[in-house]
Amino acid sequence: METFKAFRVHNEDGKINSRFEQMSIDQIGTGNVVIKAAYSNINYKDALAATGAGRIMKRFPLVAGIDTAGYVYSSEDSRFKEGDPVLVVGRGLGEEYDGGFSEFVKVEGDWIIPLPEGLTLHDAMAIGTAGFTAALAIQRMEDNYQTPEKGTILVTGATGGVGGMATSMLSGAGYDVAALTIDGKEEYLKSIGAKEILDANTLEMGERPLEKGLWGGAIDAVGGKTLAWITRTVKNYGNIASIGLAGGHDLVTTVMPFILRGVNLLGINSTYCADELRKKVWSRLATDLKPAAMNIIVSRTVGFDDMPDLFSDFIDGKITGRTVVEINP
């Protein structure tokens, strides 16, 4: 192996251009383990980075792709040997470091998760950052004493990758799930575990500091006014996991939900979570939190060459569920 194909993003005179290039191992990454990639996936963040629609990358040029799964090709880390199936999710891939849209990926051994028993490499990338983020949110909520008995969990942005994974995982763990969506798709949402569907376009949020308690907890990908409304409608000692800002980064609320109902607002960052927690969550993703509806949520698997054609659909909100990319399957 002298050169291999990678999808690289450039900033050329202030304009973002991305394309496939032939690269060599000494051109990519900084790490002590080289992975021969089998699969990756497309996240909304990947589409933003590749098209320049969002400021995701911290330097240029950079290989895109925030996730990868494959087999160890070479290793200077005694924990890993040639042929080991492994995955890397987040950790700054495709943002600070050369990422997963490449036939070979070079990473630090500390970033690697051995493929958990019960998952295939395809499964790992079907789950990816989206599923890991959803599972991390559930773990953080349950660490804070969330239980199904506390009531229905609201999931916003439920037709997206994170929201769909969260819906399926929560349902499988015994929670009732209400899905808040702007694009309908009731049949899809019910098929992945939602018991109740709410239309964000007709939602009456109210303006009081505290509204009627509706939810045992929530996983929110929207932020803005939606998150503010959630703080006012979660029941006593419920947990809200904040995972995104599709509806805006502002949060205008009062302290009353927190001091009168004991509501907890948990920030979820999947990139920099502690190693021990990361391993625990991946263990659960192979067991009790493995999404039962994964085959429904993963709506497409595409070849590496076809991957760039989908980026605009992600930006335009036309994609439902997860997209896996075959690199060297």
C-alpha atoms as a PDB file:
ATOM      1  CA  MET A   1       0.000   0.000   0.000  1.00  0.00           C
ATOM      2  CA  GLU A   2       1.681   3.182  -1.251  1.00  0.00           C
ATOM      3  CA  THR A   3      -1.295   5.474  -1.695  1.00  0.00           C
ATOM      4  CA  PHE A   4      -5.005   5.251  -0.979  1.00  0.00           C
ATOM      5  CA  LYS A   5      -8.184   7.242  -1.510  1.00  0.00           C
ATOM      6  CA  ALA A   6      -9.361   9.853   0.981  1.00  0.00           C
ATOM      7  CA  PHE A   7     -12.001  12.581   0.891  1.00  0.00           C
ATOM      8  CA  ARG A   8     -10.239  15.823   1.791  1.00  0.00           C
ATOM      9  CA  VAL A   9     -11.565  19.316   2.463  1.00  0.00           C
ATOM     10  CA  HIS A  10      -9.611  22.427   1.476  1.00  0.00           C
ATOM     11  CA  ASN A  11     -10.005  26.111   2.209  1.00  0.00           C
ATOM     12  CA  GLU A  12      -8.825  27.749  -1.004  1.00  0.00           C
ATOM     13  CA  ASP A  13      -8.833  31.530  -0.822  1.00  0.00           C
ATOM     14  CA  GLY A  14     -11.744  31.460   1.610  1.00  0.00           C
ATOM     15  CA  LYS A  15     -13.795  28.974  -0.407  1.00  0.00           C
ATOM     16  CA  ILE A  16     -14.397  25.422   0.831  1.00  0.00           C
ATOM     17  CA  ASN A  17     -13.640  22.747  -1.744  1.00  0.00           C
ATOM     18  CA  SER A  18     -13.759  19.014  -1.048  1.00  0.00           C
ATOM     19  CA  ARG A  19     -12.669  16.115  -3.238  1.00  0.00           C
ATOM     20  CA  PHE A  20     -11.236  12.619  -3.357  1.00  0.00           C
ATOM     21  CA  GLU A  21      -7.439  12.520  -3.385  1.00  0.00           C
ATOM     22  CA  GLN A  22      -4.687   9.920  -3.361  1.00  0.00           C
ATOM     23  CA  MET A  23      -2.746  10.131  -0.110  1.00  0.00           C
ATOM     24  CA  SER A  24      -0.068   8.221   1.784  1.00  0.00           C
ATOM     25  CA  ILE A  25       0.145   7.154   5.413  1.00  0.00           C
ATOM     26  CA  ASP A  26       2.703   9.822   6.282  1.00  0.00           C
ATOM     27  CA  GLN A  27       0.270  12.505   5.041  1.00  0.00           C
ATOM     28  CA  ILE A  28      -2.554  11.684   7.418  1.00  0.00           C
ATOM     29  CA  GLY A  29      -3.145  12.025  11.108  1.00  0.00           C
ATOM     30  CA  THR A  30      -0.881  11.861  14.076  1.00  0.00           C
ATOM     31  CA  GLY A  31      -1.116   8.576  15.901  1.00  0.00           C
ATOM     32  CA  ASN A  32       0.439   5.215  16.625  1.00  0.00           C
ATOM     33  CA  VAL A  33      -2.238   2.944  15.122  1.00  0.00           C
ATOM     34  CA  VAL A  34      -3.257   2.652  11.466  1.00  0.00           C
ATOM     35  CA  ILE A  35      -6.742   1.295  10.738  1.00  0.00           C
ATOM     36  CA  LYS A  36      -7.849  -0.113   7.387  1.00  0.00           C
ATOM     37  CA  ALA A  37     -11.342   1.336   7.262  1.00  0.00           C
ATOM     38  CA  ALA A  38     -14.260  -0.921   6.431  1.00  0.00           C
ATOM     39  CA  TYR A  39     -17.137   1.486   7.074  1.00  0.00           C
ATOM     40  CA  SER A  40     -17.914   5.050   8.032  1.00  0.00           C
ATOM     41  CA  ASN A  41     -21.175   7.006   8.059  1.00  0.00           C
ATOM     42  CA  ILE A  42     -22.534  10.441   7.208  1.00  0.00           C
ATOM     43  CA  ASN A  43     -23.529  12.790  10.001  1.00  0.00           C
ATOM     44  CA  TYR A  44     -25.040  16.233   9.585  1.00  0.00           C
ATOM     45  CA  LYS A  45     -21.755  17.615  10.890  1.00  0.00           C
ATOM     46  CA  ASP A  46     -19.898  15.817   8.067  1.00  0.00           C
ATOM     47  CA  ALA A  47     -22.150  17.438   5.482  1.00  0.00           C
ATOM     48  CA  LEU A  48     -21.594  20.871   7.012  1.00  0.00           C
ATOM     49  CA  ALA A  49     -17.830  20.386   6.939  1.00  0.00           C
ATOM     50  CA  ALA A  50     -17.646  18.983   3.408  1.00  0.00           C
ATOM     51  CA  THR A  51     -19.834  21.689   1.869  1.00  0.00           C
ATOM     52  CA  GLY A  52     -18.628  24.630   3.943  1.00  0.00           C
ATOM     53  CA  ALA A  53     -22.182  25.227   5.180  1.00  0.00           C
ATOM     54  CA  GLY A  54     -20.903  25.222   8.756  1.00  0.00           C
ATOM     55  CA  ARG A  55     -17.627  25.949  10.521  1.00  0.00           C
ATOM     56  CA  ILE A  56     -16.733  22.478  11.707  1.00  0.00           C
ATOM     57  CA  MET A  57     -13.075  21.999  10.832  1.00  0.00           C
ATOM     58  CA  LYS A  58     -10.402  23.698  12.883  1.00  0.00           C
ATOM     59  CA  ARG A  59      -7.701  23.467  10.211  1.00  0.00           C
ATOM     60  CA  PHE A  60      -7.251  22.785   6.496  1.00  0.00           C
ATOM     61  CA  PRO A  61      -6.714  20.717   4.493  1.00  0.00           C
ATOM     62  CA  LEU A  62      -8.309  17.916   6.476  1.00  0.00           C
ATOM     63  CA  VAL A  63      -9.776  14.504   5.695  1.00  0.00           C
ATOM     64  CA  ALA A  64     -13.477  14.600   6.609  1.00  0.00           C
ATOM     65  CA  GLY A  65     -15.519  12.029   8.532  1.00  0.00           C
ATOM     66  CA  ILE A  66     -16.057  11.949  12.279  1.00  0.00           C
ATOM     67  CA  ASP A  67     -16.404   8.124  12.568  1.00  0.00           C
ATOM     68  CA  THR A  68     -14.572   5.036  11.362  1.00  0.00           C
ATOM     69  CA  ALA A  69     -14.606   1.276  11.895  1.00  0.00           C
ATOM     70  CA  GLY A  70     -12.287  -1.335  10.476  1.00  0.00           C
ATOM     71  CA  TYR A  71      -9.295  -3.563  11.199  1.00  0.00           C
ATOM     72  CA  VAL A  72      -5.933  -2.644  12.673  1.00  0.00           C
ATOM     73  CA  TYR A  73      -3.417  -2.499   9.819  1.00  0.00           C
ATOM     74  CA  SER A  74      -0.357  -1.659  11.916  1.00  0.00           C
ATOM     75  CA  SER A  75       0.172  -0.704  15.535  1.00  0.00           C
ATOM     76  CA  GLU A  76       2.871   0.689  17.802  1.00  0.00           C
ATOM     77  CA  ASP A  77       0.458   0.326  20.726  1.00  0.00           C
ATOM     78  CA  SER A  78       0.756  -3.002  22.556  1.00  0.00           C
ATOM     79  CA  ARG A  79      -2.999  -3.051  23.209  1.00  0.00           C
ATOM     80  CA  PHE A  80      -3.766  -3.566  19.520  1.00  0.00           C
ATOM     81  CA  LYS A  81      -2.498  -6.041  16.945  1.00  0.00           C
ATOM     82  CA  GLU A  82      -2.923  -6.453  13.218  1.00  0.00           C
ATOM     83  CA  GLY A  83      -6.419  -7.624  12.316  1.00  0.00           C
ATOM     84  CA  ASP A  84      -8.191  -6.454  15.474  1.00  0.00           C
ATOM     85  CA  PRO A  85     -11.678  -5.094  14.692  1.00  0.00           C
ATOM     86  CA  VAL A  86     -11.955  -1.602  16.154  1.00  0.00           C
ATOM     87  CA  LEU A  87     -13.911   1.629  15.981  1.00  0.00           C
ATOM     88  CA  VAL A  88     -13.271   5.303  16.596  1.00  0.00           C
ATOM     89  CA  VAL A  89     -16.212   7.648  17.115  1.00  0.00           C
ATOM     90  CA  GLY A  90     -15.759  11.369  17.665  1.00  0.00           C
ATOM     91  CA  ARG A  91     -12.448  12.204  19.355  1.00  0.00           C
ATOM     92  CA  GLY A  92     -12.014  15.162  17.016  1.00  0.00           C
ATOM     93  CA  LEU A  93     -11.843  13.110  13.803  1.00  0.00           C
ATOM     94  CA  GLY A  94     -12.862  15.217  10.835  1.00  0.00           C
ATOM     95  CA  GLU A  95     -12.661  18.366  12.986  1.00  0.00           C
ATOM     96  CA  GLU A  96      -9.165  18.619  14.473  1.00  0.00           C
ATOM     97  CA  TYR A  97      -7.615  15.477  12.980  1.00  0.00           C
ATOM     98  CA  ASP A  98      -7.799  13.639   9.658  1.00  0.00           C
ATOM     99  CA  GLY A  99     -10.992  11.629   9.757  1.00  0.00           C
ATOM    100  CA  GLY A 100     -12.825   8.547   8.661  1.00  0.00           C
ATOM    101  CA  PHE A 101     -13.585   9.264   5.011  1.00  0.00           C
ATOM    102  CA  SER A 102     -10.412   7.455   4.019  1.00  0.00           C
ATOM    103  CA  GLU A 103      -9.324   3.939   3.144  1.00  0.00           C
ATOM    104  CA  PHE A 104      -6.750   4.167   5.938  1.00  0.00           C
ATOM    105  CA  VAL A 105      -7.030   6.170   9.159  1.00  0.00           C
ATOM    106  CA  LYS A 106      -4.213   6.954  11.613  1.00  0.00           C
ATOM    107  CA  VAL A 107      -5.204   7.551  15.245  1.00  0.00           C
ATOM    108  CA  GLU A 108      -3.919   7.432  18.793  1.00  0.00           C
ATOM    109  CA  GLY A 109      -4.449   4.124  20.553  1.00  0.00           C
ATOM    110  CA  ASP A 110      -6.256   5.908  23.384  1.00  0.00           C
ATOM    111  CA  TRP A 111      -9.025   6.885  20.967  1.00  0.00           C
ATOM    112  CA  ILE A 112      -9.813   3.327  19.905  1.00  0.00           C
ATOM    113  CA  ILE A 113     -12.653   1.150  21.172  1.00  0.00           C
ATOM    114  CA  PRO A 114     -12.269  -2.589  20.469  1.00  0.00           C
ATOM    115  CA  LEU A 115     -15.366  -3.758  18.629  1.00  0.00           C
ATOM    116  CA  PRO A 116     -17.736  -4.945  21.389  1.00  0.00           C
ATOM    117  CA  GLU A 117     -18.987  -8.502  21.180  1.00  0.00           C
ATOM    118  CA  GLY A 118     -22.506  -8.401  19.774  1.00  0.00           C
ATOM    119  CA  LEU A 119     -21.778  -5.725  17.157  1.00  0.00           C
ATOM    120  CA  THR A 120     -20.470  -5.958  13.599  1.00  0.00           C
ATOM    121  CA  LEU A 121     -18.368  -3.205  12.068  1.00  0.00           C
ATOM    122  CA  HIS A 122     -21.418  -2.229  10.018  1.00  0.00           C
ATOM    123  CA  ASP A 123     -23.456  -2.043  13.235  1.00  0.00           C
ATOM    124  CA  ALA A 124     -20.808   0.163  14.814  1.00  0.00           C
ATOM    125  CA  MET A 125     -21.075   2.700  12.014  1.00  0.00           C
ATOM    126  CA  ALA A 126     -24.858   2.412  11.862  1.00  0.00           C
ATOM    127  CA  ILE A 127     -24.732   3.533  15.486  1.00  0.00           C
ATOM    128  CA  GLY A 128     -21.785   5.912  15.120  1.00  0.00           C
ATOM    129  CA  THR A 129     -21.642   9.307  16.784  1.00  0.00           C
ATOM    130  CA  ALA A 130     -25.427   9.670  16.540  1.00  0.00           C
ATOM    131  CA  GLY A 131     -26.170   6.466  18.410  1.00  0.00           C
ATOM    132  CA  PHE A 132     -23.334   6.977  20.866  1.00  0.00           C
ATOM    133  CA  THR A 133     -24.650  10.455  21.658  1.00  0.00           C
ATOM    134  CA  ALA A 134     -28.157   9.093  22.219  1.00  0.00           C
ATOM    135  CA  ALA A 135     -26.870   6.313  24.471  1.00  0.00           C
ATOM    136  CA  LEU A 136     -24.640   8.741  26.370  1.00  0.00           C
ATOM    137  CA  ALA A 137     -27.683  10.933  27.002  1.00  0.00           C
ATOM    138  CA  ILE A 138     -29.637   7.958  28.370  1.00  0.00           C
ATOM    139  CA  GLN A 139     -26.695   6.895  30.519  1.00  0.00           C
ATOM    140  CA  ARG A 140     -26.327  10.391  31.990  1.00  0.00           C
ATOM    141  CA  MET A 141     -30.065  10.560  32.680  1.00  0.00           C
ATOM    142  CA  GLU A 142     -30.097   7.169  34.359  1.00  0.00           C
ATOM    143  CA  ASP A 143     -27.017   8.049  36.406  1.00  0.00           C
ATOM    144  CA  ASN A 144     -29.241  10.875  37.647  1.00  0.00           C
ATOM    145  CA  TYR A 145     -32.034   8.441  38.616  1.00  0.00           C
ATOM    146  CA  GLN A 146     -34.209   8.580  35.489  1.00  0.00           C
ATOM    147  CA  THR A 147     -36.544   5.582  35.339  1.00  0.00           C
ATOM    148  CA  PRO A 148     -39.506   4.584  33.151  1.00  0.00           C
ATOM    149  CA  GLU A 149     -41.788   5.038  36.161  1.00  0.00           C
ATOM    150  CA  LYS A 150     -41.128   8.791  36.153  1.00  0.00           C
ATOM    151  CA  GLY A 151     -43.088   9.150  32.914  1.00  0.00           C
ATOM    152  CA  THR A 152     -42.847   9.590  29.165  1.00  0.00           C
ATOM    153  CA  ILE A 153     -39.566  10.771  27.661  1.00  0.00           C
ATOM    154  CA  LEU A 154     -39.872  13.482  25.000  1.00  0.00           C
ATOM    155  CA  VAL A 155     -37.459  13.196  22.066  1.00  0.00           C
ATOM    156  CA  THR A 156     -37.132  16.184  19.743  1.00  0.00           C
ATOM    157  CA  GLY A 157     -35.735  16.009  16.223  1.00  0.00           C
ATOM    158  CA  ALA A 158     -36.888  12.406  16.307  1.00  0.00           C
ATOM    159  CA  THR A 159     -36.559  11.714  12.570  1.00  0.00           C
ATOM    160  CA  GLY A 160     -32.859  12.598  12.651  1.00  0.00           C
ATOM    161  CA  GLY A 161     -30.040  10.180  13.369  1.00  0.00           C
ATOM    162  CA  VAL A 162     -29.647  10.966  17.071  1.00  0.00           C
ATOM    163  CA  GLY A 163     -33.364  11.309  17.694  1.00  0.00           C
ATOM    164  CA  GLY A 164     -34.198   8.072  15.925  1.00  0.00           C
ATOM    165  CA  MET A 165     -31.550   6.168  17.832  1.00  0.00           C
ATOM    166  CA  ALA A 166     -32.721   7.695  21.126  1.00  0.00           C
ATOM    167  CA  THR A 167     -36.332   6.761  20.381  1.00  0.00           C
ATOM    168  CA  SER A 168     -35.465   3.139  19.623  1.00  0.00           C
ATOM    169  CA  MET A 169     -33.113   2.783  22.603  1.00  0.00           C
ATOM    170  CA  LEU A 170     -35.538   4.319  25.080  1.00  0.00           C
ATOM    171  CA  SER A 171     -38.398   2.166  23.832  1.00  0.00           C
ATOM    172  CA  GLY A 172     -36.264  -0.948  24.130  1.00  0.00           C
ATOM    173  CA  ALA A 173     -35.295   0.032  27.675  1.00  0.00           C
ATOM    174  CA  GLY A 174     -38.940   0.194  28.758  1.00  0.00           C
ATOM    175  CA  TYR A 175     -39.637   3.921  28.432  1.00  0.00           C
ATOM    176  CA  ASP A 176     -42.687   5.420  26.766  1.00  0.00           C
ATOM    177  CA  VAL A 177     -41.497   7.862  24.115  1.00  0.00           C
ATOM    178  CA  ALA A 178     -43.179  10.948  22.676  1.00  0.00           C
ATOM    179  CA  ALA A 179     -41.572  12.169  19.444  1.00  0.00           C
ATOM    180  CA  LEU A 180     -41.629  15.854  18.527  1.00  0.00           C
ATOM    181  CA  THR A 181     -41.133  16.456  14.814  1.00  0.00           C
ATOM    182  CA  ILE A 182     -41.639  19.133  12.165  1.00  0.00           C
ATOM    183  CA  ASP A 183     -41.882  16.748   9.218  1.00  0.00           C
ATOM    184  CA  GLY A 184     -44.542  14.230  10.201  1.00  0.00           C
ATOM    185  CA  LYS A 185     -43.466  10.700   9.277  1.00  0.00           C
ATOM    186  CA  GLU A 186     -45.729   9.180  11.918  1.00  0.00           C
ATOM    187  CA  GLU A 187     -45.499   5.678  10.485  1.00  0.00           C
ATOM    188  CA  TYR A 188     -41.694   5.788  10.626  1.00  0.00           C
ATOM    189  CA  LEU A 189     -41.621   7.172  14.168  1.00  0.00           C
ATOM    190  CA  LYS A 190     -44.055   4.564  15.458  1.00  0.00           C
ATOM    191  CA  SER A 191     -42.078   1.808  13.742  1.00  0.00           C
ATOM    192  CA  ILE A 192     -38.964   2.738  15.728  1.00  0.00           C
ATOM    193  CA  GLY A 193     -40.747   2.898  19.079  1.00  0.00           C
ATOM    194  CA  ALA A 194     -42.575   6.214  19.534  1.00  0.00           C
ATOM    195  CA  LYS A 195     -45.955   5.880  21.272  1.00  0.00           C
ATOM    196  CA  GLU A 196     -46.987   9.506  20.795  1.00  0.00           C
ATOM    197  CA  ILE A 197     -46.277  11.942  17.951  1.00  0.00           C
ATOM    198  CA  LEU A 198     -46.318  15.728  18.430  1.00  0.00           C
ATOM    199  CA  ASP A 199     -46.302  18.229  15.571  1.00  0.00           C
ATOM    200  CA  ALA A 200     -43.862  21.035  16.339  1.00  0.00           C
ATOM    201  CA  ASN A 201     -45.652  23.272  13.820  1.00  0.00           C
ATOM    202  CA  THR A 202     -48.852  23.373  15.896  1.00  0.00           C
ATOM    203  CA  LEU A 203     -47.367  23.021  19.378  1.00  0.00           C
ATOM    204  CA  GLU A 204     -48.740  25.431  21.994  1.00  0.00           C
ATOM    205  CA  MET A 205     -45.818  26.218  24.291  1.00  0.00           C
ATOM    206  CA  GLY A 206     -47.377  28.762  26.645  1.00  0.00           C
ATOM    207  CA  GLU A 207     -45.488  31.583  28.322  1.00  0.00           C
ATOM    208  CA  ARG A 208     -45.695  30.880  32.064  1.00  0.00           C
ATOM    209  CA  PRO A 209     -42.473  30.139  33.986  1.00  0.00           C
ATOM    210  CA  LEU A 210     -43.939  26.732  34.775  1.00  0.00           C
ATOM    211  CA  GLU A 211     -46.468  24.938  32.588  1.00  0.00           C
ATOM    212  CA  LYS A 212     -48.248  21.661  33.339  1.00  0.00           C
ATOM    213  CA  GLY A 213     -45.754  18.860  33.940  1.00  0.00           C
ATOM    214  CA  LEU A 214     -45.959  16.573  30.917  1.00  0.00           C
ATOM    215  CA  TRP A 215     -42.701  14.658  30.627  1.00  0.00           C
ATOM    216  CA  GLY A 216     -40.656  12.417  32.859  1.00  0.00           C
ATOM    217  CA  GLY A 217     -37.599  13.691  30.978  1.00  0.00           C
ATOM    218  CA  ALA A 218     -36.404  14.680  27.526  1.00  0.00           C
ATOM    219  CA  ILE A 219     -33.624  14.317  24.969  1.00  0.00           C
ATOM    220  CA  ASP A 220     -33.489  17.553  23.005  1.00  0.00           C
ATOM    221  CA  ALA A 221     -31.733  18.151  19.686  1.00  0.00           C
ATOM    222  CA  VAL A 222     -33.412  21.475  18.948  1.00  0.00           C
ATOM    223  CA  GLY A 223     -32.483  23.996  21.635  1.00  0.00           C
ATOM    224  CA  GLY A 224     -33.850  27.535  21.496  1.00  0.00           C
ATOM    225  CA  LYS A 225     -37.535  28.034  22.271  1.00  0.00           C
ATOM    226  CA  THR A 226     -38.168  24.293  22.244  1.00  0.00           C
ATOM    227  CA  LEU A 227     -35.656  23.613  24.990  1.00  0.00           C
ATOM    228  CA  ALA A 228     -37.025  26.535  27.014  1.00  0.00           C
ATOM    229  CA  TRP A 229     -40.522  25.026  26.728  1.00  0.00           C
ATOM    230  CA  ILE A 230     -39.191  21.626  27.798  1.00  0.00           C
ATOM    231  CA  THR A 231     -37.703  23.101  30.973  1.00  0.00           C
ATOM    232  CA  ARG A 232     -41.199  24.403  31.831  1.00  0.00           C
ATOM    233  CA  THR A 233     -42.986  21.098  31.165  1.00  0.00           C
ATOM    234  CA  VAL A 234     -40.748  18.404  32.671  1.00  0.00           C
ATOM    235  CA  LYS A 235     -42.046  16.860  35.874  1.00  0.00           C
ATOM    236  CA  ASN A 236     -40.373  16.835  39.280  1.00  0.00           C
ATOM    237  CA  TYR A 237     -36.755  15.677  39.209  1.00  0.00           C
ATOM    238  CA  GLY A 238     -36.875  14.878  35.533  1.00  0.00           C
ATOM    239  CA  ASN A 239     -33.724  15.079  33.405  1.00  0.00           C
ATOM    240  CA  ILE A 240     -33.275  16.963  30.143  1.00  0.00           C
ATOM    241  CA  ALA A 241     -30.325  15.880  27.987  1.00  0.00           C
ATOM    242  CA  SER A 242     -29.320  18.694  25.641  1.00  0.00           C
ATOM    243  CA  ILE A 243     -27.669  17.268  22.513  1.00  0.00           C
ATOM    244  CA  GLY A 244     -28.161  19.846  19.747  1.00  0.00           C
ATOM    245  CA  LEU A 245     -29.191  23.293  18.579  1.00  0.00           C
ATOM    246  CA  ALA A 246     -31.054  22.823  15.302  1.00  0.00           C
ATOM    247  CA  GLY A 247     -33.572  25.434  16.444  1.00  0.00           C
ATOM    248  CA  GLY A 248     -31.082  27.950  17.829  1.00  0.00           C
ATOM    249  CA  HIS A 249     -28.399  28.340  20.478  1.00  0.00           C
ATOM    250  CA  ASP A 250     -30.260  30.764  22.742  1.00  0.00           C
ATOM    251  CA  LEU A 251     -31.967  29.547  25.910  1.00  0.00           C
ATOM    252  CA  VAL A 252     -34.421  31.910  27.609  1.00  0.00           C
ATOM    253  CA  THR A 253     -35.979  30.397  30.718  1.00  0.00           C
ATOM    254  CA  THR A 254     -36.141  31.007  34.465  1.00  0.00           C
ATOM    255  CA  VAL A 255     -34.652  29.285  37.492  1.00  0.00           C
ATOM    256  CA  MET A 256     -38.110  28.133  38.597  1.00  0.00           C
ATOM    257  CA  PRO A 257     -38.068  24.677  36.897  1.00  0.00           C
ATOM    258  CA  PHE A 258     -34.765  23.975  38.608  1.00  0.00           C
ATOM    259  CA  ILE A 259     -35.549  25.156  42.131  1.00  0.00           C
ATOM    260  CA  LEU A 260     -39.279  24.327  42.310  1.00  0.00           C
ATOM    261  CA  ARG A 261     -39.347  21.041  40.381  1.00  0.00           C
ATOM    262  CA  GLY A 262     -35.732  19.964  40.720  1.00  0.00           C
ATOM    263  CA  VAL A 263     -35.380  19.648  36.935  1.00  0.00           C
ATOM    264  CA  ASN A 264     -31.859  18.750  35.777  1.00  0.00           C
ATOM    265  CA  LEU A 265     -30.359  20.072  32.524  1.00  0.00           C
ATOM    266  CA  LEU A 266     -27.550  17.786  31.346  1.00  0.00           C
ATOM    267  CA  GLY A 267     -25.150  18.858  28.607  1.00  0.00           C
ATOM    268  CA  ILE A 268     -24.082  15.999  26.321  1.00  0.00           C
ATOM    269  CA  ASN A 269     -20.719  16.180  24.541  1.00  0.00           C
ATOM    270  CA  SER A 270     -19.856  12.904  22.854  1.00  0.00           C
ATOM    271  CA  THR A 271     -16.430  13.985  21.627  1.00  0.00           C
ATOM    272  CA  TYR A 272     -14.695  14.593  24.925  1.00  0.00           C
ATOM    273  CA  CYS A 273     -16.468  12.322  27.410  1.00  0.00           C
ATOM    274  CA  ALA A 274     -14.303  10.371  29.876  1.00  0.00           C
ATOM    275  CA  ASP A 275     -12.759   7.120  28.653  1.00  0.00           C
ATOM    276  CA  GLU A 276     -14.379   5.013  31.365  1.00  0.00           C
ATOM    277  CA  LEU A 277     -17.805   6.397  30.510  1.00  0.00           C
ATOM    278  CA  ARG A 278     -17.200   5.949  26.773  1.00  0.00           C
ATOM    279  CA  LYS A 279     -16.358   2.259  27.228  1.00  0.00           C
ATOM    280  CA  LYS A 280     -19.375   1.723  29.476  1.00  0.00           C
ATOM    281  CA  VAL A 281     -21.725   3.265  26.925  1.00  0.00           C
ATOM    282  CA  TRP A 282     -20.309   1.173  24.061  1.00  0.00           C
ATOM    283  CA  SER A 283     -20.752  -1.932  26.179  1.00  0.00           C
ATOM    284  CA  ARG A 284     -24.413  -1.045  26.595  1.00  0.00           C
ATOM    285  CA  LEU A 285     -24.755  -0.317  22.871  1.00  0.00           C
ATOM    286  CA  ALA A 286     -23.853  -3.951  22.233  1.00  0.00           C
ATOM    287  CA  THR A 287     -26.325  -5.212  24.840  1.00  0.00           C
ATOM    288  CA  ASP A 288     -29.320  -3.531  26.506  1.00  0.00           C
ATOM    289  CA  LEU A 289     -29.167  -0.285  24.503  1.00  0.00           C
ATOM    290  CA  LYS A 290     -28.589  -1.871  21.090  1.00  0.00           C
ATOM    291  CA  PRO A 291     -31.341  -0.281  18.969  1.00  0.00           C
ATOM    292  CA  ALA A 292     -33.978  -2.855  18.123  1.00  0.00           C
ATOM    293  CA  ALA A 293     -35.066  -0.768  15.134  1.00  0.00           C
ATOM    294  CA  MET A 294     -31.573  -0.303  13.705  1.00  0.00           C
ATOM    295  CA  ASN A 295     -32.502  -1.882  10.372  1.00  0.00           C
ATOM    296  CA  ILE A 296     -35.273   0.710  10.013  1.00  0.00           C
ATOM    297  CA  ILE A 297     -33.218   3.687  11.220  1.00  0.00           C
ATOM    298  CA  VAL A 298     -30.362   2.842   8.830  1.00  0.00           C
ATOM    299  CA  SER A 299     -32.231   3.841   5.725  1.00  0.00           C
ATOM    300  CA  ARG A 300     -29.338   3.471   3.277  1.00  0.00           C
ATOM    301  CA  THR A 301     -25.844   2.077   2.775  1.00  0.00           C
ATOM    302  CA  VAL A 302     -23.825   3.798   0.041  1.00  0.00           C
ATOM    303  CA  GLY A 303     -20.495   3.228  -1.641  1.00  0.00           C
ATOM    304  CA  PHE A 304     -17.542   5.479  -0.909  1.00  0.00           C
ATOM    305  CA  ASP A 305     -17.618   7.023  -4.403  1.00  0.00           C
ATOM    306  CA  ASP A 306     -21.318   7.891  -4.077  1.00  0.00           C
ATOM    307  CA  MET A 307     -21.015   9.478  -0.645  1.00  0.00           C
ATOM    308  CA  PRO A 308     -20.515  13.152  -1.722  1.00  0.00           C
ATOM    309  CA  ASP A 309     -23.775  13.137  -3.677  1.00  0.00           C
ATOM    310  CA  LEU A 310     -25.745  12.955  -0.403  1.00  0.00           C
ATOM    311  CA  PHE A 311     -24.257  15.923   1.428  1.00  0.00           C
ATOM    312  CA  SER A 312     -26.725  18.464   0.031  1.00  0.00           C
ATOM    313  CA  ASP A 313     -29.662  16.262   1.087  1.00  0.00           C
ATOM    314  CA  PHE A 314     -28.397  16.347   4.664  1.00  0.00           C
ATOM    315  CA  ILE A 315     -28.110  20.136   4.567  1.00  0.00           C
ATOM    316  CA  ASP A 316     -31.619  20.426   3.085  1.00  0.00           C
ATOM    317  CA  GLY A 317     -33.147  18.150   5.733  1.00  0.00           C
ATOM    318  CA  LYS A 318     -34.164  15.472   3.232  1.00  0.00           C
ATOM    319  CA  ILE A 319     -32.486  12.581   5.050  1.00  0.00           C
ATOM    320  CA  THR A 320     -34.311  10.433   7.596  1.00  0.00           C
ATOM    321  CA  GLY A 321     -32.338   8.104   9.839  1.00  0.00           C
ATOM    322  CA  ARG A 322     -28.755   6.950   9.333  1.00  0.00           C
ATOM    323  CA  THR A 323     -26.497   6.496   6.305  1.00  0.00           C
ATOM    324  CA  VAL A 324     -23.623   3.992   6.381  1.00  0.00           C
ATOM    325  CA  VAL A 325     -20.699   4.355   3.951  1.00  0.00           C
ATOM    326  CA  GLU A 326     -18.953   1.242   2.618  1.00  0.00           C
ATOM    327  CA  ILE A 327     -15.227   1.880   2.222  1.00  0.00           C
ATOM    328  CA  ASN A 328     -13.567  -1.576   2.289  1.00  0.00           C
ATOM    329  CA  PRO A 329     -16.460  -3.823   3.444  1.00  0.00           C
END
